[in-house]
N, C-alpha and C. Protein backbone atom coordinates (compact mmCIF):
# COMPACT_ATOMS: atom_id res chain seq x y z
N MET A 1 152.85 305.96 49.19
CA MET A 1 151.68 306.95 49.60
C MET A 1 150.58 306.75 48.85
N PRO A 2 149.30 306.55 49.37
CA PRO A 2 148.09 306.42 48.51
C PRO A 2 147.92 307.61 47.72
N GLN A 3 147.21 307.42 46.56
CA GLN A 3 146.98 308.50 45.47
C GLN A 3 145.56 308.59 45.11
N GLN A 4 144.94 309.66 45.11
CA GLN A 4 143.67 310.04 44.28
C GLN A 4 143.73 311.24 43.57
N ILE A 5 143.53 311.04 42.33
CA ILE A 5 143.51 311.94 41.42
C ILE A 5 143.04 311.86 40.28
N LEU A 6 141.96 312.97 39.65
CA LEU A 6 141.20 312.77 38.53
C LEU A 6 141.73 314.06 37.79
N CYS A 7 141.96 313.88 36.55
CA CYS A 7 142.83 315.05 35.79
C CYS A 7 142.32 314.82 34.23
N ILE A 8 141.90 316.22 33.58
CA ILE A 8 141.74 316.01 32.04
C ILE A 8 143.27 316.31 31.56
N ILE A 9 143.14 316.04 30.47
CA ILE A 9 144.64 316.29 29.84
C ILE A 9 144.25 316.61 28.12
N THR A 10 144.98 317.75 28.05
CA THR A 10 144.38 318.00 26.85
C THR A 10 145.54 318.92 25.75
N PRO A 11 145.80 318.50 24.74
CA PRO A 11 146.60 319.29 23.78
C PRO A 11 146.38 320.54 23.41
N GLN A 12 144.94 320.97 23.48
CA GLN A 12 144.20 322.31 22.95
C GLN A 12 144.94 323.37 23.72
N GLU A 13 144.92 324.76 22.91
CA GLU A 13 145.60 325.93 23.66
C GLU A 13 144.27 326.28 24.29
N ILE A 14 144.17 326.32 25.43
CA ILE A 14 143.02 327.00 26.42
C ILE A 14 143.33 327.99 27.13
N ASN A 15 142.63 329.19 27.44
CA ASN A 15 143.18 329.90 28.51
C ASN A 15 142.15 330.04 29.84
N LEU A 16 142.38 329.08 30.81
CA LEU A 16 141.77 328.77 31.80
C LEU A 16 141.89 330.04 33.10
N HIS A 17 141.08 329.76 33.74
CA HIS A 17 140.74 331.18 34.65
C HIS A 17 141.82 330.88 35.58
N LYS A 18 142.48 331.79 36.29
CA LYS A 18 143.60 331.65 37.38
C LYS A 18 143.03 330.93 38.49
N SER A 19 141.92 330.75 38.73
CA SER A 19 141.45 329.95 39.97
C SER A 19 141.29 328.33 39.36
N ILE A 20 141.32 328.20 38.59
CA ILE A 20 141.29 326.73 38.03
C ILE A 20 142.93 326.19 38.33
N VAL A 21 143.15 325.30 39.01
CA VAL A 21 144.34 324.50 38.96
C VAL A 21 144.53 323.93 37.78
N HIS A 22 145.76 324.19 37.16
CA HIS A 22 146.32 323.71 35.87
C HIS A 22 147.72 323.71 35.63
N PHE A 23 148.17 323.01 34.83
CA PHE A 23 149.95 322.82 34.33
C PHE A 23 149.89 322.84 33.19
N LYS A 24 150.93 323.41 32.56
CA LYS A 24 151.13 323.32 30.94
C LYS A 24 152.71 322.46 31.27
N ILE A 25 152.79 321.46 30.51
CA ILE A 25 153.89 320.48 30.68
C ILE A 25 154.03 319.82 29.04
N ASN A 26 154.99 319.90 28.50
CA ASN A 26 155.15 319.21 27.24
C ASN A 26 154.12 319.52 26.03
N GLU A 27 153.70 320.48 26.16
CA GLU A 27 152.61 321.43 24.88
C GLU A 27 151.35 320.65 25.56
N LEU A 28 150.88 320.04 26.62
CA LEU A 28 149.91 319.34 26.88
C LEU A 28 149.14 320.34 28.42
N THR A 29 147.90 320.49 28.51
CA THR A 29 147.34 321.09 29.63
C THR A 29 146.82 320.08 30.75
N PHE A 30 147.20 320.21 31.84
CA PHE A 30 146.80 319.10 32.74
C PHE A 30 146.02 319.94 33.55
N ILE A 31 144.58 319.61 33.93
CA ILE A 31 143.49 319.97 34.79
C ILE A 31 142.96 319.23 35.70
N PRO A 32 143.93 319.20 37.12
CA PRO A 32 143.43 318.26 38.27
C PRO A 32 141.82 318.91 38.44
N VAL A 33 141.27 317.98 38.72
CA VAL A 33 139.86 318.48 39.45
C VAL A 33 139.51 317.83 40.69
N ASP A 34 138.96 318.84 41.57
CA ASP A 34 138.70 318.48 43.25
C ASP A 34 137.64 317.41 43.41
N PHE A 35 137.60 316.52 42.73
CA PHE A 35 136.66 315.40 42.85
C PHE A 35 137.65 313.84 42.20
N SER A 36 137.09 312.68 42.68
CA SER A 36 137.55 311.60 41.98
C SER A 36 136.52 310.60 41.93
N LEU A 37 137.10 309.31 41.47
CA LEU A 37 135.94 308.46 41.24
C LEU A 37 134.76 308.89 40.48
N ILE A 38 134.98 309.09 39.34
CA ILE A 38 133.85 309.46 38.31
C ILE A 38 133.52 308.44 37.61
N ASP A 39 133.41 307.09 38.01
CA ASP A 39 133.10 305.97 37.07
C ASP A 39 132.06 306.04 36.27
N ARG A 40 130.88 306.58 36.86
CA ARG A 40 129.77 306.60 36.48
C ARG A 40 129.90 307.46 35.03
N PHE A 41 130.41 308.54 35.21
CA PHE A 41 130.53 309.39 34.12
C PHE A 41 131.09 308.54 32.88
N ILE A 42 132.01 308.17 33.38
CA ILE A 42 132.92 307.32 31.99
C ILE A 42 132.27 306.26 31.62
N LYS A 43 131.43 305.35 32.40
CA LYS A 43 130.99 304.20 32.29
C LYS A 43 129.68 304.54 31.29
N ASP A 44 128.86 305.53 31.70
CA ASP A 44 127.68 305.97 30.91
C ASP A 44 127.76 306.55 29.58
N SER A 45 129.20 307.31 29.36
CA SER A 45 129.70 307.73 28.12
C SER A 45 129.90 306.64 27.15
N GLN A 46 129.67 305.44 27.86
CA GLN A 46 130.16 304.26 26.55
C GLN A 46 128.94 303.95 25.62
N ASN A 47 128.06 304.42 26.29
CA ASN A 47 126.57 304.33 25.17
C ASN A 47 126.24 305.34 24.36
N PHE A 48 127.27 306.32 24.12
CA PHE A 48 127.00 307.57 23.14
C PHE A 48 128.32 307.57 22.32
N ARG A 49 128.37 308.23 21.08
CA ARG A 49 129.45 308.33 20.17
C ARG A 49 130.09 309.45 20.20
N PHE A 50 129.05 310.52 20.38
CA PHE A 50 129.41 312.07 20.58
C PHE A 50 129.31 312.62 21.95
N LEU A 51 130.62 313.51 22.11
CA LEU A 51 130.43 313.85 23.52
C LEU A 51 129.00 314.91 23.80
N LYS A 52 128.50 315.67 22.94
CA LYS A 52 127.53 316.54 22.61
C LYS A 52 126.20 315.87 23.27
N ASP A 53 126.24 314.52 22.62
CA ASP A 53 124.95 313.93 22.61
C ASP A 53 125.05 313.21 24.20
N TYR A 54 125.88 312.99 24.89
CA TYR A 54 126.20 312.31 25.89
C TYR A 54 125.76 313.36 26.99
N PHE A 55 126.27 314.65 26.92
CA PHE A 55 125.82 315.84 27.88
C PHE A 55 124.38 316.19 27.78
N GLU A 56 123.65 316.01 26.36
CA GLU A 56 122.51 316.17 26.46
C GLU A 56 121.65 315.32 27.33
N HIS A 57 122.30 314.16 27.42
CA HIS A 57 121.52 313.04 28.09
C HIS A 57 121.70 313.32 29.54
N ILE A 58 122.85 313.87 30.03
CA ILE A 58 123.16 314.44 31.53
C ILE A 58 122.13 315.30 31.81
N LYS A 59 121.96 316.19 30.97
CA LYS A 59 120.98 317.37 31.50
C LYS A 59 119.77 317.12 31.37
N LEU A 60 119.42 315.80 31.04
CA LEU A 60 117.75 315.24 31.33
C LEU A 60 117.62 314.44 32.54
N GLN A 61 118.85 314.34 33.21
CA GLN A 61 119.00 313.33 34.50
C GLN A 61 118.34 314.27 35.41
N ASP A 62 117.24 313.38 36.44
CA ASP A 62 116.74 314.14 37.67
C ASP A 62 117.96 314.56 38.74
N ASN A 63 119.09 314.17 38.93
CA ASN A 63 120.33 314.46 39.55
C ASN A 63 120.98 315.87 39.15
N PHE A 64 120.75 316.15 37.80
CA PHE A 64 121.59 317.05 37.30
C PHE A 64 121.10 318.43 37.70
N LYS A 65 122.17 319.29 38.17
CA LYS A 65 121.70 320.61 38.52
C LYS A 65 123.01 321.54 37.88
N GLU A 66 122.71 322.63 37.72
CA GLU A 66 123.86 323.70 37.45
C GLU A 66 124.90 323.50 38.26
N ALA A 67 126.37 323.30 37.86
CA ALA A 67 127.34 323.47 38.46
C ALA A 67 128.05 324.75 38.36
N VAL A 68 128.68 324.97 39.88
CA VAL A 68 129.03 326.57 39.93
C VAL A 68 130.76 326.15 40.50
N PHE A 69 131.12 324.89 39.83
CA PHE A 69 132.62 324.72 40.51
C PHE A 69 132.56 324.60 41.90
N ASP A 70 131.48 323.96 42.41
CA ASP A 70 131.60 323.76 44.00
C ASP A 70 131.33 322.35 44.33
N GLU A 71 132.30 321.53 45.24
CA GLU A 71 132.19 320.17 45.46
C GLU A 71 130.91 319.69 45.78
N ASP A 72 129.87 320.23 46.11
CA ASP A 72 128.46 319.83 46.37
C ASP A 72 127.78 319.68 45.40
N ASP A 73 128.23 320.23 44.18
CA ASP A 73 127.39 319.94 42.72
C ASP A 73 127.61 318.29 42.34
N GLU A 74 126.84 317.80 41.81
CA GLU A 74 126.97 316.83 40.75
C GLU A 74 128.33 316.56 40.43
N PRO A 75 129.30 315.72 40.35
CA PRO A 75 130.50 315.57 39.98
C PRO A 75 130.25 315.41 38.19
N GLU A 76 129.28 314.97 37.68
CA GLU A 76 129.15 314.85 36.19
C GLU A 76 129.11 316.38 35.83
N ALA A 77 127.94 316.85 36.42
CA ALA A 77 127.60 318.34 35.89
C ALA A 77 128.67 319.39 36.10
N HIS A 78 129.49 319.29 37.31
CA HIS A 78 130.99 319.68 37.27
C HIS A 78 131.90 319.39 36.04
N LEU A 79 131.98 318.31 35.77
CA LEU A 79 133.10 318.26 34.54
C LEU A 79 132.56 318.71 33.54
N MET A 80 131.25 318.32 33.52
CA MET A 80 130.66 318.90 31.86
C MET A 80 130.66 320.03 31.71
N LYS A 81 130.36 321.16 32.62
CA LYS A 81 130.59 322.57 32.67
C LYS A 81 131.96 323.08 32.26
N LEU A 82 132.96 322.47 32.99
CA LEU A 82 134.24 322.86 32.77
C LEU A 82 134.75 322.70 31.39
N ILE A 83 134.10 321.28 30.93
CA ILE A 83 134.66 321.08 29.45
C ILE A 83 134.08 321.72 28.36
N GLN A 84 132.37 322.16 28.61
CA GLN A 84 131.78 323.03 27.71
C GLN A 84 132.19 324.61 28.01
N ASN A 85 132.57 324.83 28.97
CA ASN A 85 132.63 326.45 29.05
C ASN A 85 134.24 326.57 28.40
N TYR A 86 135.07 325.61 28.49
CA TYR A 86 136.23 325.89 27.42
C TYR A 86 136.25 325.27 26.41
N ARG A 87 135.64 324.49 25.82
CA ARG A 87 135.21 324.07 24.53
C ARG A 87 136.34 323.14 24.29
N ILE A 88 136.75 322.22 25.30
CA ILE A 88 137.55 321.13 25.10
C ILE A 88 136.63 319.99 24.38
N ASP A 89 137.53 319.82 23.21
CA ASP A 89 136.73 318.54 22.54
C ASP A 89 138.07 317.71 22.39
N HIS A 90 139.21 317.53 22.47
CA HIS A 90 140.24 316.92 22.49
C HIS A 90 141.03 316.70 23.81
N PHE A 91 140.80 315.21 24.56
CA PHE A 91 141.36 315.02 25.66
C PHE A 91 141.22 313.66 26.20
N ILE A 92 141.78 313.85 27.33
CA ILE A 92 141.95 312.32 28.20
C ILE A 92 141.24 312.67 29.35
N ILE A 93 140.59 312.09 30.14
CA ILE A 93 140.29 312.12 31.37
C ILE A 93 140.92 310.58 32.17
N GLU A 94 141.75 310.87 33.31
CA GLU A 94 142.27 309.78 33.61
C GLU A 94 141.56 310.00 35.16
N ASP A 95 141.35 308.95 35.68
CA ASP A 95 140.87 308.85 37.40
C ASP A 95 141.74 307.79 37.95
N TYR A 96 142.30 308.12 38.66
CA TYR A 96 143.55 306.91 39.45
C TYR A 96 143.08 307.08 41.04
N TYR A 97 142.65 306.15 41.81
CA TYR A 97 142.46 306.05 43.07
C TYR A 97 143.11 304.79 43.55
N GLU A 98 144.22 305.10 44.48
CA GLU A 98 144.84 304.04 45.05
C GLU A 98 144.75 303.93 46.44
N TRP A 99 144.58 302.87 47.20
CA TRP A 99 144.20 303.10 48.83
C TRP A 99 145.09 302.10 49.55
N GLU A 100 146.16 301.35 49.00
CA GLU A 100 146.67 300.12 50.00
C GLU A 100 147.42 299.34 49.21
N TYR A 101 148.37 298.59 49.93
CA TYR A 101 149.21 297.87 49.28
C TYR A 101 148.85 296.43 49.58
N THR A 102 148.63 295.58 48.74
CA THR A 102 148.35 294.12 49.26
C THR A 102 149.31 293.02 48.81
N PRO A 103 149.07 292.06 49.36
CA PRO A 103 150.48 290.86 48.96
C PRO A 103 149.84 290.32 47.63
N PHE A 104 150.78 289.76 46.85
CA PHE A 104 150.20 288.99 45.58
C PHE A 104 151.14 287.88 45.49
N GLU A 105 151.11 287.03 44.99
CA GLU A 105 151.85 286.00 44.16
C GLU A 105 151.74 285.34 43.09
N SER A 106 152.28 285.31 42.11
CA SER A 106 152.15 284.91 40.51
C SER A 106 153.18 283.72 40.54
N LEU A 107 152.90 283.18 39.61
CA LEU A 107 153.78 282.00 39.03
C LEU A 107 155.14 282.51 39.02
N ARG A 108 155.58 283.37 38.81
CA ARG A 108 156.98 283.93 38.38
C ARG A 108 157.45 284.86 39.67
N GLU A 109 156.49 285.46 40.34
CA GLU A 109 156.92 286.73 41.15
C GLU A 109 156.18 286.85 42.27
N LYS A 110 156.76 287.43 43.42
CA LYS A 110 156.21 287.62 44.62
C LYS A 110 156.55 289.28 44.98
N GLY A 111 155.55 289.52 45.60
CA GLY A 111 155.68 291.16 45.57
C GLY A 111 154.32 291.83 46.53
N TYR A 112 154.11 293.04 46.44
CA TYR A 112 153.02 293.69 46.62
C TYR A 112 152.43 294.24 45.39
N LEU A 113 151.19 294.58 45.38
CA LEU A 113 150.50 295.31 44.54
C LEU A 113 149.47 296.33 45.08
N ARG A 114 149.45 297.19 44.63
CA ARG A 114 148.49 298.48 45.01
C ARG A 114 147.37 298.05 44.70
N SER A 115 146.52 298.19 45.70
CA SER A 115 144.83 298.21 45.15
C SER A 115 144.54 299.49 44.42
N PHE A 116 143.81 299.83 43.55
CA PHE A 116 143.56 300.69 42.97
C PHE A 116 142.53 300.72 42.24
N GLU A 117 141.64 301.84 41.67
CA GLU A 117 140.63 301.95 40.65
C GLU A 117 141.48 302.87 39.54
N TYR A 118 141.12 302.56 38.40
CA TYR A 118 141.37 303.34 37.37
C TYR A 118 140.18 303.51 35.96
N SER A 119 140.30 304.77 35.79
CA SER A 119 138.89 304.84 34.73
C SER A 119 139.82 305.77 33.76
N PHE A 120 139.30 305.75 32.48
CA PHE A 120 139.97 306.49 31.29
C PHE A 120 138.88 306.58 30.41
N MET A 121 139.04 307.92 29.91
CA MET A 121 138.11 308.18 28.59
C MET A 121 138.99 309.14 27.46
N TYR A 122 138.84 308.57 26.25
CA TYR A 122 139.58 309.47 25.20
C TYR A 122 138.51 310.19 24.40
N VAL A 123 138.53 311.51 24.09
CA VAL A 123 137.79 312.07 23.38
C VAL A 123 138.63 313.09 22.23
N LYS A 124 138.33 312.71 20.97
CA LYS A 124 139.12 313.61 19.75
C LYS A 124 137.90 313.93 18.80
N ASN A 125 138.10 315.50 18.87
CA ASN A 125 137.13 316.08 18.14
C ASN A 125 135.85 315.99 18.66
N GLY A 126 135.42 315.86 19.76
CA GLY A 126 134.03 315.72 20.57
C GLY A 126 133.31 314.17 19.94
N GLU A 127 134.35 313.58 19.38
CA GLU A 127 133.95 312.19 19.54
C GLU A 127 134.45 311.31 20.55
N ILE A 128 133.62 310.15 21.35
CA ILE A 128 134.02 309.61 22.46
C ILE A 128 134.72 308.35 21.56
N ILE A 129 136.04 308.23 21.77
CA ILE A 129 136.73 307.19 21.09
C ILE A 129 137.21 305.96 21.77
N SER A 130 137.23 306.18 23.20
CA SER A 130 137.40 305.17 24.10
C SER A 130 137.27 305.42 25.81
N ALA A 131 136.52 304.71 26.37
CA ALA A 131 136.01 304.88 27.58
C ALA A 131 135.92 303.41 28.28
N ASP A 132 136.95 303.52 29.60
CA ASP A 132 136.59 302.05 30.14
C ASP A 132 136.76 302.63 31.78
N SER A 133 135.77 302.40 32.48
CA SER A 133 135.70 302.68 33.86
C SER A 133 135.92 301.26 34.71
N SER A 134 136.80 300.03 33.97
CA SER A 134 137.02 299.06 34.76
C SER A 134 138.16 298.32 34.35
N LEU A 135 139.32 299.41 34.43
CA LEU A 135 140.56 298.76 34.14
C LEU A 135 141.31 297.89 34.77
N PHE A 136 140.98 297.90 36.11
CA PHE A 136 141.47 296.84 36.77
C PHE A 136 140.76 295.20 36.64
N ASP A 137 141.76 294.41 36.47
CA ASP A 137 140.93 293.15 35.94
C ASP A 137 141.36 292.22 37.31
N ASP A 138 140.51 291.56 37.93
CA ASP A 138 140.37 291.23 39.06
C ASP A 138 141.13 289.47 39.04
N GLU A 139 140.83 288.96 37.90
CA GLU A 139 141.64 287.49 37.61
C GLU A 139 143.01 287.98 37.55
N ASN A 140 143.53 288.86 37.11
CA ASN A 140 145.02 289.16 36.71
C ASN A 140 145.37 290.38 37.18
N PRO A 141 146.25 290.44 38.37
CA PRO A 141 146.43 291.95 39.01
C PRO A 141 147.31 292.99 38.34
N GLN A 142 146.48 293.28 37.27
CA GLN A 142 147.30 294.26 36.40
C GLN A 142 146.50 295.09 35.69
N ILE A 143 146.92 296.29 35.08
CA ILE A 143 145.92 297.35 34.76
C ILE A 143 146.00 296.79 33.16
N ARG A 144 144.98 296.74 32.51
CA ARG A 144 144.93 296.59 30.69
C ARG A 144 145.17 298.08 30.25
N TYR A 145 146.39 298.32 29.96
CA TYR A 145 146.82 299.43 29.49
C TYR A 145 146.75 299.74 28.20
N ALA A 146 146.46 298.63 27.24
CA ALA A 146 146.78 298.93 25.91
C ALA A 146 145.94 300.01 25.18
N ASP A 147 144.57 300.24 25.24
CA ASP A 147 143.83 301.28 24.76
C ASP A 147 144.63 302.60 25.57
N ALA A 148 144.57 302.55 26.77
CA ALA A 148 144.87 303.77 27.61
C ALA A 148 146.23 304.20 27.01
N GLN A 149 147.40 303.48 26.78
CA GLN A 149 148.52 303.84 26.41
C GLN A 149 148.64 304.38 25.11
N LYS A 150 147.88 303.55 24.19
CA LYS A 150 147.71 303.85 22.62
C LYS A 150 147.20 305.55 22.58
N TYR A 151 146.29 305.73 23.31
CA TYR A 151 145.83 306.94 23.12
C TYR A 151 146.31 308.08 23.86
N ARG A 152 146.91 307.73 24.98
CA ARG A 152 148.14 308.56 25.83
C ARG A 152 148.98 309.11 24.64
N GLU A 153 149.73 308.42 23.63
CA GLU A 153 150.50 308.32 23.19
C GLU A 153 150.10 309.38 21.71
N GLU A 154 148.73 309.07 21.27
CA GLU A 154 148.10 309.45 20.33
C GLU A 154 148.07 311.11 20.48
N LEU A 155 147.89 311.32 22.30
CA LEU A 155 147.26 312.73 22.55
C LEU A 155 148.85 313.58 22.50
N GLY A 156 150.28 312.76 22.85
CA GLY A 156 151.37 313.55 22.88
C GLY A 156 151.75 313.03 24.54
N LEU A 157 151.13 312.29 25.20
CA LEU A 157 151.60 312.10 26.71
C LEU A 157 152.46 310.83 26.50
N ASP A 158 153.72 311.59 26.88
CA ASP A 158 155.02 310.24 26.62
C ASP A 158 155.69 309.96 27.95
N PHE A 159 155.23 310.23 29.12
CA PHE A 159 155.48 310.03 30.50
C PHE A 159 154.21 309.96 31.63
N ASP A 160 154.99 309.32 32.27
CA ASP A 160 154.01 308.99 33.55
C ASP A 160 153.72 310.08 34.37
N TRP A 161 152.76 310.83 34.12
CA TRP A 161 152.50 312.11 34.81
C TRP A 161 151.85 311.45 36.21
N LEU A 162 151.46 310.55 36.52
CA LEU A 162 150.83 309.92 37.64
C LEU A 162 152.20 309.79 38.93
N SER A 163 153.33 309.56 38.22
CA SER A 163 154.47 309.54 39.03
C SER A 163 154.94 310.88 39.64
N GLN A 164 154.40 311.81 39.23
CA GLN A 164 154.81 313.22 39.69
C GLN A 164 154.09 313.64 40.90
N GLU A 165 154.93 314.09 42.05
CA GLU A 165 154.12 314.21 43.02
C GLU A 165 152.89 315.31 43.20
N LYS A 166 153.06 316.04 42.28
CA LYS A 166 151.98 317.21 42.27
C LYS A 166 150.99 316.77 41.97
N PHE A 167 150.88 315.60 41.32
CA PHE A 167 149.58 314.86 41.18
C PHE A 167 149.10 313.48 41.80
N TYR A 168 149.92 313.64 43.22
CA TYR A 168 149.21 312.51 44.19
C TYR A 168 148.15 312.87 44.38
N SER A 169 147.90 313.82 44.53
CA SER A 169 146.23 314.30 44.87
C SER A 169 145.78 315.62 44.60
N TYR A 170 144.40 316.04 44.35
CA TYR A 170 144.09 317.51 44.14
C TYR A 170 144.60 318.30 44.95
N ASP A 171 144.82 318.15 46.38
CA ASP A 171 145.69 319.14 47.27
C ASP A 171 147.03 319.21 46.96
N CYS A 172 147.85 317.95 46.38
CA CYS A 172 149.01 318.41 46.21
C CYS A 172 149.13 319.25 44.82
N SER A 173 148.20 318.87 44.04
CA SER A 173 148.24 319.89 42.66
C SER A 173 148.18 321.19 42.94
N LYS A 174 146.90 321.42 43.88
CA LYS A 174 146.73 323.07 44.14
C LYS A 174 147.92 323.46 45.10
N LYS A 175 148.49 322.97 46.09
CA LYS A 175 149.80 323.27 46.60
C LYS A 175 150.83 324.08 45.76
N GLU A 176 151.39 322.91 44.67
CA GLU A 176 152.07 323.20 43.65
C GLU A 176 151.73 324.45 42.77
N TYR A 177 150.71 324.37 42.66
CA TYR A 177 150.12 325.45 41.59
C TYR A 177 149.93 326.96 42.18
N LEU A 178 149.73 326.93 43.56
CA LEU A 178 149.86 328.15 44.31
C LEU A 178 151.10 328.76 44.56
N LYS A 179 152.11 327.82 44.37
CA LYS A 179 153.73 328.07 44.61
C LYS A 179 154.30 329.49 43.64
């Protein structure tokens, strides 16, 4: 099944408003967000050491406008407001978008590979530790998970959350949350 999910994952104790879809799993809070493909946010963050400096940069952009948690707003503004309003300064953002299966053949195996995009960002104590908006390598059809997996483990994320049905899409998450 094709999958499209953007999620903020944090070990911080935060009291989110009940209207914000979220899950507490293994001491982590998962906050699925109702938009995806936030590559620009992650790619642009690579030019900054601290999240607060990056957010100041975003506020100066021509396309910035105040987010009110509405999908018509700029995704970067929406994400920034969510992080700022809840003072989240230790988190991972994972953005996973899978759209089809394509055949591939390597020297050792034959099979099908999902065509997907994956972006990742890790922030610890407000410092941008790692951000990569191009974790799909066209030369070798595999995700380069080295940094992402290392930081997932540092955060305490020791399971494949993307394989859980409630994280297949924001709509799946919302449906599960409202149960």
